[in-house]
Amino acid sequence: MRVGLFAIGLLCLTTFVDAASVHSFKLINDTRTRVVSFSVAQAGSHNWTTVDFHDPLFEYGDAKLVEVSSDSDGCLYDLRTVMSDGRNVVARKFDACRRHAYRPGKAFP
């Protein structure tokens, strides 16, 4: 019986270790133009994943919840926002563990 419980404990531990970390923050459009697309990548990786908001209209003042998952425990992400006026706003090393909102019109330290 102890061997069975030990095996179940190892299985649970393996499942816990393999689970992806999920971080969430609000994307708040504080620009005077529409957000056309938004992408996220692990900081420095250039492996962009486009976030699908299921709503193509993302106007000034709108806010959307962004959830990103990572195979690592890393909190740093690069964020890319494409605006309807053609601008690409890229923020490097956004700390999703410490910050709970991102505004592409404002720089963050």
PDB file of N, CA and C in Angstrom:
ATOM      1  N   MET A   1       0.820  -1.200   0.000  1.00  0.00           N
ATOM      2  CA  MET A   1       0.000   0.000   0.000  1.00  0.00           C
ATOM      3  C   MET A   1       0.862   1.261   0.000  1.00  0.00           C
ATOM      4  N   ARG A   2       1.959   1.237   0.753  1.00  0.00           N
ATOM      5  CA  ARG A   2       2.843   2.401   0.794  1.00  0.00           C
ATOM      6  C   ARG A   2       3.442   2.677  -0.583  1.00  0.00           C
ATOM      7  N   VAL A   3       3.783   1.620  -1.305  1.00  0.00           N
ATOM      8  CA  VAL A   3       4.343   1.792  -2.636  1.00  0.00           C
ATOM      9  C   VAL A   3       3.313   2.463  -3.551  1.00  0.00           C
ATOM     10  N   GLY A   4       2.047   2.062  -3.430  1.00  0.00           N
ATOM     11  CA  GLY A   4       0.980   2.660  -4.238  1.00  0.00           C
ATOM     12  C   GLY A   4       0.801   4.137  -3.929  1.00  0.00           C
ATOM     13  N   LEU A   5       0.794   4.477  -2.640  1.00  0.00           N
ATOM     14  CA  LEU A   5       0.662   5.886  -2.259  1.00  0.00           C
ATOM     15  C   LEU A   5       1.869   6.695  -2.719  1.00  0.00           C
ATOM     16  N   PHE A   6       3.062   6.106  -2.640  1.00  0.00           N
ATOM     17  CA  PHE A   6       4.267   6.777  -3.084  1.00  0.00           C
ATOM     18  C   PHE A   6       4.187   7.047  -4.591  1.00  0.00           C
ATOM     19  N   ALA A   7       3.716   6.076  -5.349  1.00  0.00           N
ATOM     20  CA  ALA A   7       3.591   6.239  -6.805  1.00  0.00           C
ATOM     21  C   ALA A   7       2.575   7.327  -7.147  1.00  0.00           C
ATOM     22  N   ILE A   8       1.462   7.363  -6.426  1.00  0.00           N
ATOM     23  CA  ILE A   8       0.452   8.402  -6.655  1.00  0.00           C
ATOM     24  C   ILE A   8       1.033   9.773  -6.319  1.00  0.00           C
ATOM     25  N   GLY A   9       1.799   9.854  -5.243  1.00  0.00           N
ATOM     26  CA  GLY A   9       2.439  11.113  -4.869  1.00  0.00           C
ATOM     27  C   GLY A   9       3.413  11.592  -5.934  1.00  0.00           C
ATOM     28  N   LEU A  10       4.203  10.672  -6.504  1.00  0.00           N
ATOM     29  CA  LEU A  10       5.122  11.040  -7.579  1.00  0.00           C
ATOM     30  C   LEU A  10       4.367  11.501  -8.822  1.00  0.00           C
ATOM     31  N   LEU A  11       3.272  10.843  -9.130  1.00  0.00           N
ATOM     32  CA  LEU A  11       2.464  11.233 -10.281  1.00  0.00           C
ATOM     33  C   LEU A  11       1.919  12.653 -10.094  1.00  0.00           C
ATOM     34  N   CYS A  12       1.427  12.950  -8.911  1.00  0.00           N
ATOM     35  CA  CYS A  12       0.916  14.301  -8.631  1.00  0.00           C
ATOM     36  C   CYS A  12       2.035  15.327  -8.714  1.00  0.00           C
ATOM     37  N   LEU A  13       3.215  15.004  -8.208  1.00  0.00           N
ATOM     38  CA  LEU A  13       4.348  15.917  -8.260  1.00  0.00           C
ATOM     39  C   LEU A  13       4.758  16.175  -9.702  1.00  0.00           C
ATOM     40  N   THR A  14       4.801  15.142 -10.518  1.00  0.00           N
ATOM     41  CA  THR A  14       5.153  15.294 -11.925  1.00  0.00           C
ATOM     42  C   THR A  14       4.139  16.185 -12.629  1.00  0.00           C
ATOM     43  N   THR A  15       2.870  15.992 -12.363  1.00  0.00           N
ATOM     44  CA  THR A  15       1.831  16.815 -12.964  1.00  0.00           C
ATOM     45  C   THR A  15       1.997  18.264 -12.541  1.00  0.00           C
ATOM     46  N   PHE A  16       2.314  18.506 -11.284  1.00  0.00           N
ATOM     47  CA  PHE A  16       2.497  19.860 -10.778  1.00  0.00           C
ATOM     48  C   PHE A  16       3.689  20.531 -11.452  1.00  0.00           C
ATOM     49  N   VAL A  17       4.792  19.816 -11.616  1.00  0.00           N
ATOM     50  CA  VAL A  17       5.994  20.383 -12.209  1.00  0.00           C
ATOM     51  C   VAL A  17       5.765  20.703 -13.685  1.00  0.00           C
ATOM     52  N   ASP A  18       5.006  19.855 -14.404  1.00  0.00           N
ATOM     53  CA  ASP A  18       4.775  20.056 -15.825  1.00  0.00           C
ATOM     54  C   ASP A  18       3.749  21.151 -16.111  1.00  0.00           C
ATOM     55  N   ALA A  19       3.004  21.556 -15.117  1.00  0.00           N
ATOM     56  CA  ALA A  19       1.960  22.557 -15.345  1.00  0.00           C
ATOM     57  C   ALA A  19       2.585  23.891 -15.737  1.00  0.00           C
ATOM     58  N   ALA A  20       1.959  24.570 -16.656  1.00  0.00           N
ATOM     59  CA  ALA A  20       2.451  25.867 -17.113  1.00  0.00           C
ATOM     60  C   ALA A  20       2.058  26.950 -16.123  1.00  0.00           C
ATOM     61  N   SER A  21       2.905  27.949 -16.020  1.00  0.00           N
ATOM     62  CA  SER A  21       2.579  29.121 -15.209  1.00  0.00           C
ATOM     63  C   SER A  21       1.657  30.016 -16.019  1.00  0.00           C
ATOM     64  N   VAL A  22       0.626  30.529 -15.392  1.00  0.00           N
ATOM     65  CA  VAL A  22      -0.312  31.422 -16.071  1.00  0.00           C
ATOM     66  C   VAL A  22      -0.265  32.776 -15.382  1.00  0.00           C
ATOM     67  N   HIS A  23      -0.077  33.816 -16.182  1.00  0.00           N
ATOM     68  CA  HIS A  23      -0.054  35.184 -15.680  1.00  0.00           C
ATOM     69  C   HIS A  23      -1.141  35.964 -16.403  1.00  0.00           C
ATOM     70  N   SER A  24      -1.758  36.890 -15.705  1.00  0.00           N
ATOM     71  CA  SER A  24      -2.800  37.693 -16.346  1.00  0.00           C
ATOM     72  C   SER A  24      -2.602  39.168 -16.007  1.00  0.00           C
ATOM     73  N   PHE A  25      -3.024  39.996 -16.955  1.00  0.00           N
ATOM     74  CA  PHE A  25      -2.986  41.445 -16.779  1.00  0.00           C
ATOM     75  C   PHE A  25      -4.018  42.051 -17.722  1.00  0.00           C
ATOM     76  N   LYS A  26      -4.394  43.285 -17.436  1.00  0.00           N
ATOM     77  CA  LYS A  26      -5.329  44.000 -18.303  1.00  0.00           C
ATOM     78  C   LYS A  26      -4.559  44.802 -19.334  1.00  0.00           C
ATOM     79  N   LEU A  27      -4.995  44.686 -20.571  1.00  0.00           N
ATOM     80  CA  LEU A  27      -4.503  45.546 -21.639  1.00  0.00           C
ATOM     81  C   LEU A  27      -5.510  46.674 -21.759  1.00  0.00           C
ATOM     82  N   ILE A  28      -5.081  47.891 -21.486  1.00  0.00           N
ATOM     83  CA  ILE A  28      -5.967  49.045 -21.498  1.00  0.00           C
ATOM     84  C   ILE A  28      -5.552  49.955 -22.650  1.00  0.00           C
ATOM     85  N   ASN A  29      -6.465  50.171 -23.577  1.00  0.00           N
ATOM     86  CA  ASN A  29      -6.159  51.031 -24.721  1.00  0.00           C
ATOM     87  C   ASN A  29      -6.260  52.493 -24.294  1.00  0.00           C
ATOM     88  N   ASP A  30      -5.109  53.085 -24.042  1.00  0.00           N
ATOM     89  CA  ASP A  30      -5.052  54.492 -23.646  1.00  0.00           C
ATOM     90  C   ASP A  30      -4.558  55.365 -24.793  1.00  0.00           C
ATOM     91  N   THR A  31      -4.595  54.827 -26.006  1.00  0.00           N
ATOM     92  CA  THR A  31      -4.197  55.594 -27.179  1.00  0.00           C
ATOM     93  C   THR A  31      -5.446  56.159 -27.837  1.00  0.00           C
ATOM     94  N   ARG A  32      -5.268  57.079 -28.736  1.00  0.00           N
ATOM     95  CA  ARG A  32      -6.409  57.697 -29.426  1.00  0.00           C
ATOM     96  C   ARG A  32      -6.765  56.952 -30.709  1.00  0.00           C
ATOM     97  N   THR A  33      -6.306  55.721 -30.833  1.00  0.00           N
ATOM     98  CA  THR A  33      -6.563  54.928 -32.026  1.00  0.00           C
ATOM     99  C   THR A  33      -6.938  53.502 -31.632  1.00  0.00           C
ATOM    100  N   ARG A  34      -7.425  52.741 -32.561  1.00  0.00           N
ATOM    101  CA  ARG A  34      -7.879  51.372 -32.313  1.00  0.00           C
ATOM    102  C   ARG A  34      -6.691  50.406 -32.266  1.00  0.00           C
ATOM    103  N   VAL A  35      -6.758  49.435 -31.382  1.00  0.00           N
ATOM    104  CA  VAL A  35      -5.780  48.355 -31.348  1.00  0.00           C
ATOM    105  C   VAL A  35      -6.203  47.339 -32.404  1.00  0.00           C
ATOM    106  N   VAL A  36      -5.289  47.043 -33.338  1.00  0.00           N
ATOM    107  CA  VAL A  36      -5.570  46.090 -34.403  1.00  0.00           C
ATOM    108  C   VAL A  36      -5.181  44.680 -33.981  1.00  0.00           C
ATOM    109  N   SER A  37      -4.015  44.542 -33.331  1.00  0.00           N
ATOM    110  CA  SER A  37      -3.597  43.230 -32.831  1.00  0.00           C
ATOM    111  C   SER A  37      -2.663  43.404 -31.641  1.00  0.00           C
ATOM    112  N   PHE A  38      -2.559  42.334 -30.869  1.00  0.00           N
ATOM    113  CA  PHE A  38      -1.707  42.329 -29.681  1.00  0.00           C
ATOM    114  C   PHE A  38      -1.030  40.977 -29.602  1.00  0.00           C
ATOM    115  N   SER A  39       0.299  40.980 -29.400  1.00  0.00           N
ATOM    116  CA  SER A  39       1.075  39.743 -29.346  1.00  0.00           C
ATOM    117  C   SER A  39       1.966  39.737 -28.112  1.00  0.00           C
ATOM    118  N   VAL A  40       2.276  38.535 -27.646  1.00  0.00           N
ATOM    119  CA  VAL A  40       3.093  38.342 -26.444  1.00  0.00           C
ATOM    120  C   VAL A  40       4.185  37.323 -26.759  1.00  0.00           C
ATOM    121  N   ALA A  41       5.379  37.540 -26.196  1.00  0.00           N
ATOM    122  CA  ALA A  41       6.485  36.589 -26.315  1.00  0.00           C
ATOM    123  C   ALA A  41       7.253  36.571 -25.003  1.00  0.00           C
ATOM    124  N   GLN A  42       7.859  35.438 -24.672  1.00  0.00           N
ATOM    125  CA  GLN A  42       8.777  35.418 -23.538  1.00  0.00           C
ATOM    126  C   GLN A  42       9.853  36.453 -23.835  1.00  0.00           C
ATOM    127  N   ALA A  43      10.263  37.201 -22.848  1.00  0.00           N
ATOM    128  CA  ALA A  43      11.227  38.283 -23.048  1.00  0.00           C
ATOM    129  C   ALA A  43      12.454  37.799 -23.806  1.00  0.00           C
ATOM    130  N   GLY A  44      12.751  38.496 -24.907  1.00  0.00           N
ATOM    131  CA  GLY A  44      13.922  38.198 -25.696  1.00  0.00           C
ATOM    132  C   GLY A  44      13.806  37.035 -26.663  1.00  0.00           C
ATOM    133  N   SER A  45      12.684  36.324 -26.667  1.00  0.00           N
ATOM    134  CA  SER A  45      12.570  35.110 -27.485  1.00  0.00           C
ATOM    135  C   SER A  45      12.162  35.385 -28.928  1.00  0.00           C
ATOM    136  N   HIS A  46      11.417  36.445 -29.175  1.00  0.00           N
ATOM    137  CA  HIS A  46      10.880  36.770 -30.506  1.00  0.00           C
ATOM    138  C   HIS A  46       9.913  35.708 -31.022  1.00  0.00           C
ATOM    139  N   ASN A  47       9.398  34.851 -30.147  1.00  0.00           N
ATOM    140  CA  ASN A  47       8.394  33.845 -30.508  1.00  0.00           C
ATOM    141  C   ASN A  47       7.018  34.413 -30.174  1.00  0.00           C
ATOM    142  N   TRP A  48       6.513  35.263 -31.049  1.00  0.00           N
ATOM    143  CA  TRP A  48       5.286  35.997 -30.786  1.00  0.00           C
ATOM    144  C   TRP A  48       4.058  35.110 -30.917  1.00  0.00           C
ATOM    145  N   THR A  49       3.135  35.264 -29.974  1.00  0.00           N
ATOM    146  CA  THR A  49       1.829  34.615 -30.021  1.00  0.00           C
ATOM    147  C   THR A  49       0.780  35.713 -30.016  1.00  0.00           C
ATOM    148  N   THR A  50      -0.063  35.721 -31.041  1.00  0.00           N
ATOM    149  CA  THR A  50      -1.105  36.730 -31.136  1.00  0.00           C
ATOM    150  C   THR A  50      -2.257  36.353 -30.218  1.00  0.00           C
ATOM    151  N   VAL A  51      -2.731  37.324 -29.457  1.00  0.00           N
ATOM    152  CA  VAL A  51      -3.851  37.129 -28.541  1.00  0.00           C
ATOM    153  C   VAL A  51      -5.144  37.400 -29.305  1.00  0.00           C
ATOM    154  N   ASP A  52      -6.062  36.454 -29.269  1.00  0.00           N
ATOM    155  CA  ASP A  52      -7.349  36.602 -29.951  1.00  0.00           C
ATOM    156  C   ASP A  52      -8.371  37.096 -28.937  1.00  0.00           C
ATOM    157  N   PHE A  53      -8.877  38.300 -29.146  1.00  0.00           N
ATOM    158  CA  PHE A  53      -9.843  38.889 -28.217  1.00  0.00           C
ATOM    159  C   PHE A  53     -11.290  38.589 -28.604  1.00  0.00           C
ATOM    160  N   HIS A  54     -11.509  37.913 -29.717  1.00  0.00           N
ATOM    161  CA  HIS A  54     -12.856  37.574 -30.200  1.00  0.00           C
ATOM    162  C   HIS A  54     -13.711  38.806 -30.445  1.00  0.00           C
ATOM    163  N   ASP A  55     -13.087  39.959 -30.518  1.00  0.00           N
ATOM    164  CA  ASP A  55     -13.805  41.206 -30.778  1.00  0.00           C
ATOM    165  C   ASP A  55     -12.840  42.126 -31.520  1.00  0.00           C
ATOM    166  N   PRO A  56     -13.054  42.321 -32.821  1.00  0.00           N
ATOM    167  CA  PRO A  56     -12.083  43.097 -33.592  1.00  0.00           C
ATOM    168  C   PRO A  56     -12.042  44.583 -33.230  1.00  0.00           C
ATOM    169  N   LEU A  57     -13.080  45.099 -32.595  1.00  0.00           N
ATOM    170  CA  LEU A  57     -13.092  46.516 -32.233  1.00  0.00           C
ATOM    171  C   LEU A  57     -12.529  46.690 -30.828  1.00  0.00           C
ATOM    172  N   PHE A  58     -11.392  47.319 -30.758  1.00  0.00           N
ATOM    173  CA  PHE A  58     -10.738  47.560 -29.472  1.00  0.00           C
ATOM    174  C   PHE A  58     -10.386  49.037 -29.451  1.00  0.00           C
ATOM    175  N   GLU A  59     -11.363  49.839 -29.060  1.00  0.00           N
ATOM    176  CA  GLU A  59     -11.291  51.291 -29.150  1.00  0.00           C
ATOM    177  C   GLU A  59     -10.610  51.909 -27.928  1.00  0.00           C
ATOM    178  N   TYR A  60     -10.413  53.213 -28.006  1.00  0.00           N
ATOM    179  CA  TYR A  60      -9.860  53.997 -26.902  1.00  0.00           C
ATOM    180  C   TYR A  60     -10.704  53.775 -25.640  1.00  0.00           C
ATOM    181  N   GLY A  61     -10.050  53.489 -24.537  1.00  0.00           N
ATOM    182  CA  GLY A  61     -10.724  53.298 -23.260  1.00  0.00           C
ATOM    183  C   GLY A  61     -11.147  51.860 -22.979  1.00  0.00           C
ATOM    184  N   ASP A  62     -11.122  50.989 -23.995  1.00  0.00           N
ATOM    185  CA  ASP A  62     -11.482  49.588 -23.779  1.00  0.00           C
ATOM    186  C   ASP A  62     -10.372  48.879 -23.015  1.00  0.00           C
ATOM    187  N   ALA A  63     -10.747  47.851 -22.274  1.00  0.00           N
ATOM    188  CA  ALA A  63      -9.787  47.029 -21.548  1.00  0.00           C
ATOM    189  C   ALA A  63     -10.114  45.565 -21.793  1.00  0.00           C
ATOM    190  N   LYS A  64      -9.086  44.766 -21.965  1.00  0.00           N
ATOM    191  CA  LYS A  64      -9.233  43.325 -22.194  1.00  0.00           C
ATOM    192  C   LYS A  64      -8.308  42.594 -21.233  1.00  0.00           C
ATOM    193  N   LEU A  65      -8.766  41.450 -20.748  1.00  0.00           N
ATOM    194  CA  LEU A  65      -7.924  40.616 -19.897  1.00  0.00           C
ATOM    195  C   LEU A  65      -7.052  39.740 -20.784  1.00  0.00           C
ATOM    196  N   VAL A  66      -5.758  39.762 -20.522  1.00  0.00           N
ATOM    197  CA  VAL A  66      -4.797  38.944 -21.260  1.00  0.00           C
ATOM    198  C   VAL A  66      -4.265  37.892 -20.294  1.00  0.00           C
ATOM    199  N   GLU A  67      -4.332  36.636 -20.701  1.00  0.00           N
ATOM    200  CA  GLU A  67      -3.755  35.544 -19.922  1.00  0.00           C
ATOM    201  C   GLU A  67      -2.691  34.876 -20.765  1.00  0.00           C
ATOM    202  N   VAL A  68      -1.495  34.791 -20.213  1.00  0.00           N
ATOM    203  CA  VAL A  68      -0.390  34.156 -20.917  1.00  0.00           C
ATOM    204  C   VAL A  68       0.116  32.991 -20.084  1.00  0.00           C
ATOM    205  N   SER A  69       0.449  31.926 -20.756  1.00  0.00           N
ATOM    206  CA  SER A  69       0.998  30.774 -20.046  1.00  0.00           C
ATOM    207  C   SER A  69       2.421  30.549 -20.519  1.00  0.00           C
ATOM    208  N   SER A  70       3.215  30.036 -19.628  1.00  0.00           N
ATOM    209  CA  SER A  70       4.625  29.816 -19.910  1.00  0.00           C
ATOM    210  C   SER A  70       5.033  28.470 -19.341  1.00  0.00           C
ATOM    211  N   ASP A  71       5.928  27.800 -20.033  1.00  0.00           N
ATOM    212  CA  ASP A  71       6.447  26.534 -19.532  1.00  0.00           C
ATOM    213  C   ASP A  71       7.474  26.764 -18.429  1.00  0.00           C
ATOM    214  N   SER A  72       7.920  27.987 -18.291  1.00  0.00           N
ATOM    215  CA  SER A  72       8.880  28.323 -17.240  1.00  0.00           C
ATOM    216  C   SER A  72       8.178  29.172 -16.187  1.00  0.00           C
ATOM    217  N   ASP A  73       8.887  29.465 -15.138  1.00  0.00           N
ATOM    218  CA  ASP A  73       8.338  30.312 -14.077  1.00  0.00           C
ATOM    219  C   ASP A  73       8.608  31.783 -14.350  1.00  0.00           C
ATOM    220  N   GLY A  74       9.106  32.108 -15.532  1.00  0.00           N
ATOM    221  CA  GLY A  74       9.467  33.476 -15.866  1.00  0.00           C
ATOM    222  C   GLY A  74       8.272  34.405 -15.885  1.00  0.00           C
ATOM    223  N   CYS A  75       8.497  35.629 -15.495  1.00  0.00           N
ATOM    224  CA  CYS A  75       7.450  36.646 -15.434  1.00  0.00           C
ATOM    225  C   CYS A  75       7.615  37.714 -16.508  1.00  0.00           C
ATOM    226  N   LEU A  76       8.751  37.715 -17.186  1.00  0.00           N
ATOM    227  CA  LEU A  76       9.053  38.795 -18.118  1.00  0.00           C
ATOM    228  C   LEU A  76       8.594  38.445 -19.531  1.00  0.00           C
ATOM    229  N   TYR A  77       7.851  39.388 -20.118  1.00  0.00           N
ATOM    230  CA  TYR A  77       7.309  39.206 -21.464  1.00  0.00           C
ATOM    231  C   TYR A  77       7.584  40.443 -22.297  1.00  0.00           C
ATOM    232  N   ASP A  78       7.736  40.230 -23.597  1.00  0.00           N
ATOM    233  CA  ASP A  78       7.746  41.323 -24.548  1.00  0.00           C
ATOM    234  C   ASP A  78       6.335  41.428 -25.103  1.00  0.00           C
ATOM    235  N   LEU A  79       5.833  42.646 -25.235  1.00  0.00           N
ATOM    236  CA  LEU A  79       4.465  42.890 -25.696  1.00  0.00           C
ATOM    237  C   LEU A  79       4.508  43.731 -26.965  1.00  0.00           C
ATOM    238  N   ARG A  80       3.704  43.353 -27.949  1.00  0.00           N
ATOM    239  CA  ARG A  80       3.656  44.106 -29.205  1.00  0.00           C
ATOM    240  C   ARG A  80       2.203  44.462 -29.512  1.00  0.00           C
ATOM    241  N   THR A  81       1.950  45.754 -29.646  1.00  0.00           N
ATOM    242  CA  THR A  81       0.610  46.257 -29.951  1.00  0.00           C
ATOM    243  C   THR A  81       0.667  46.944 -31.313  1.00  0.00           C
ATOM    244  N   VAL A  82      -0.206  46.527 -32.222  1.00  0.00           N
ATOM    245  CA  VAL A  82      -0.291  47.148 -33.539  1.00  0.00           C
ATOM    246  C   VAL A  82      -1.540  48.028 -33.540  1.00  0.00           C
ATOM    247  N   MET A  83      -1.342  49.298 -33.900  1.00  0.00           N
ATOM    248  CA  MET A  83      -2.421  50.273 -33.882  1.00  0.00           C
ATOM    249  C   MET A  83      -2.970  50.487 -35.295  1.00  0.00           C
ATOM    250  N   SER A  84      -4.216  50.967 -35.381  1.00  0.00           N
ATOM    251  CA  SER A  84      -4.854  51.175 -36.684  1.00  0.00           C
ATOM    252  C   SER A  84      -4.202  52.285 -37.500  1.00  0.00           C
ATOM    253  N   ASP A  85      -3.413  53.144 -36.858  1.00  0.00           N
ATOM    254  CA  ASP A  85      -2.711  54.201 -37.596  1.00  0.00           C
ATOM    255  C   ASP A  85      -1.349  53.736 -38.108  1.00  0.00           C
ATOM    256  N   GLY A  86      -1.044  52.434 -37.949  1.00  0.00           N
ATOM    257  CA  GLY A  86       0.189  51.864 -38.469  1.00  0.00           C
ATOM    258  C   GLY A  86       1.317  51.748 -37.467  1.00  0.00           C
ATOM    259  N   ARG A  87       1.165  52.336 -36.295  1.00  0.00           N
ATOM    260  CA  ARG A  87       2.232  52.256 -35.290  1.00  0.00           C
ATOM    261  C   ARG A  87       2.318  50.851 -34.689  1.00  0.00           C
ATOM    262  N   ASN A  88       3.546  50.425 -34.397  1.00  0.00           N
ATOM    263  CA  ASN A  88       3.808  49.211 -33.636  1.00  0.00           C
ATOM    264  C   ASN A  88       4.438  49.638 -32.321  1.00  0.00           C
ATOM    265  N   VAL A  89       3.765  49.356 -31.231  1.00  0.00           N
ATOM    266  CA  VAL A  89       4.288  49.703 -29.912  1.00  0.00           C
ATOM    267  C   VAL A  89       4.815  48.411 -29.289  1.00  0.00           C
ATOM    268  N   VAL A  90       6.126  48.385 -29.016  1.00  0.00           N
ATOM    269  CA  VAL A  90       6.747  47.206 -28.430  1.00  0.00           C
ATOM    270  C   VAL A  90       7.273  47.569 -27.053  1.00  0.00           C
ATOM    271  N   ALA A  91       6.865  46.793 -26.069  1.00  0.00           N
ATOM    272  CA  ALA A  91       7.352  46.960 -24.693  1.00  0.00           C
ATOM    273  C   ALA A  91       8.183  45.729 -24.352  1.00  0.00           C
ATOM    274  N   ARG A  92       9.373  45.939 -23.871  1.00  0.00           N
ATOM    275  CA  ARG A  92      10.275  44.837 -23.540  1.00  0.00           C
ATOM    276  C   ARG A  92      10.297  44.609 -22.028  1.00  0.00           C
ATOM    277  N   LYS A  93      10.374  43.362 -21.655  1.00  0.00           N
ATOM    278  CA  LYS A  93      10.534  42.933 -20.255  1.00  0.00           C
ATOM    279  C   LYS A  93       9.414  43.433 -19.347  1.00  0.00           C
ATOM    280  N   PHE A  94       8.181  43.308 -19.810  1.00  0.00           N
ATOM    281  CA  PHE A  94       7.022  43.617 -18.970  1.00  0.00           C
ATOM    282  C   PHE A  94       6.916  42.522 -17.912  1.00  0.00           C
ATOM    283  N   ASP A  95       6.891  42.896 -16.647  1.00  0.00           N
ATOM    284  CA  ASP A  95       6.849  41.933 -15.535  1.00  0.00           C
ATOM    285  C   ASP A  95       5.392  41.625 -15.186  1.00  0.00           C
ATOM    286  N   ALA A  96       4.875  40.509 -15.698  1.00  0.00           N
ATOM    287  CA  ALA A  96       3.478  40.133 -15.487  1.00  0.00           C
ATOM    288  C   ALA A  96       3.217  39.642 -14.063  1.00  0.00           C
ATOM    289  N   CYS A  97       4.255  39.366 -13.296  1.00  0.00           N
ATOM    290  CA  CYS A  97       4.065  38.963 -11.901  1.00  0.00           C
ATOM    291  C   CYS A  97       3.839  40.176 -10.999  1.00  0.00           C
ATOM    292  N   ARG A  98       4.404  41.306 -11.365  1.00  0.00           N
ATOM    293  CA  ARG A  98       4.315  42.496 -10.520  1.00  0.00           C
ATOM    294  C   ARG A  98       3.343  43.541 -11.040  1.00  0.00           C
ATOM    295  N   ARG A  99       3.070  43.528 -12.339  1.00  0.00           N
ATOM    296  CA  ARG A  99       2.184  44.521 -12.944  1.00  0.00           C
ATOM    297  C   ARG A  99       0.894  43.843 -13.376  1.00  0.00           C
ATOM    298  N   HIS A 100      -0.197  44.530 -13.158  1.00  0.00           N
ATOM    299  CA  HIS A 100      -1.497  43.938 -13.463  1.00  0.00           C
ATOM    300  C   HIS A 100      -2.238  44.690 -14.560  1.00  0.00           C
ATOM    301  N   ALA A 101      -1.568  45.675 -15.158  1.00  0.00           N
ATOM    302  CA  ALA A 101      -2.160  46.412 -16.263  1.00  0.00           C
ATOM    303  C   ALA A 101      -1.047  46.893 -17.187  1.00  0.00           C
ATOM    304  N   TYR A 102      -1.359  46.914 -18.472  1.00  0.00           N
ATOM    305  CA  TYR A 102      -0.437  47.438 -19.470  1.00  0.00           C
ATOM    306  C   TYR A 102      -1.188  48.419 -20.358  1.00  0.00           C
ATOM    307  N   ARG A 103      -0.613  49.591 -20.543  1.00  0.00           N
ATOM    308  CA  ARG A 103      -1.176  50.637 -21.402  1.00  0.00           C
ATOM    309  C   ARG A 103      -0.155  50.953 -22.485  1.00  0.00           C
ATOM    310  N   PRO A 104      -0.457  50.651 -23.752  1.00  0.00           N
ATOM    311  CA  PRO A 104       0.536  50.872 -24.804  1.00  0.00           C
ATOM    312  C   PRO A 104       0.890  52.332 -25.033  1.00  0.00           C
ATOM    313  N   GLY A 105       0.080  53.272 -24.569  1.00  0.00           N
ATOM    314  CA  GLY A 105       0.378  54.686 -24.743  1.00  0.00           C
ATOM    315  C   GLY A 105       1.307  55.229 -23.675  1.00  0.00           C
ATOM    316  N   LYS A 106       1.545  54.477 -22.630  1.00  0.00           N
ATOM    317  CA  LYS A 106       2.408  54.912 -21.530  1.00  0.00           C
ATOM    318  C   LYS A 106       3.610  53.990 -21.431  1.00  0.00           C
ATOM    319  N   ALA A 107       4.762  54.570 -21.219  1.00  0.00           N
ATOM    320  CA  ALA A 107       5.959  53.767 -21.004  1.00  0.00           C
ATOM    321  C   ALA A 107       5.958  53.281 -19.560  1.00  0.00           C
ATOM    322  N   PHE A 108       6.551  52.148 -19.333  1.00  0.00           N
ATOM    323  CA  PHE A 108       6.697  51.675 -17.956  1.00  0.00           C
ATOM    324  C   PHE A 108       8.183  51.507 -17.690  1.00  0.00           C
ATOM    325  N   PRO A 109       8.603  51.712 -16.428  1.00  0.00           N
ATOM    326  CA  PRO A 109      10.029  51.629 -16.110  1.00  0.00           C
ATOM    327  C   PRO A 109      10.560  50.228 -16.195  1.00  0.00           C
TER     328      PRO A 109
END
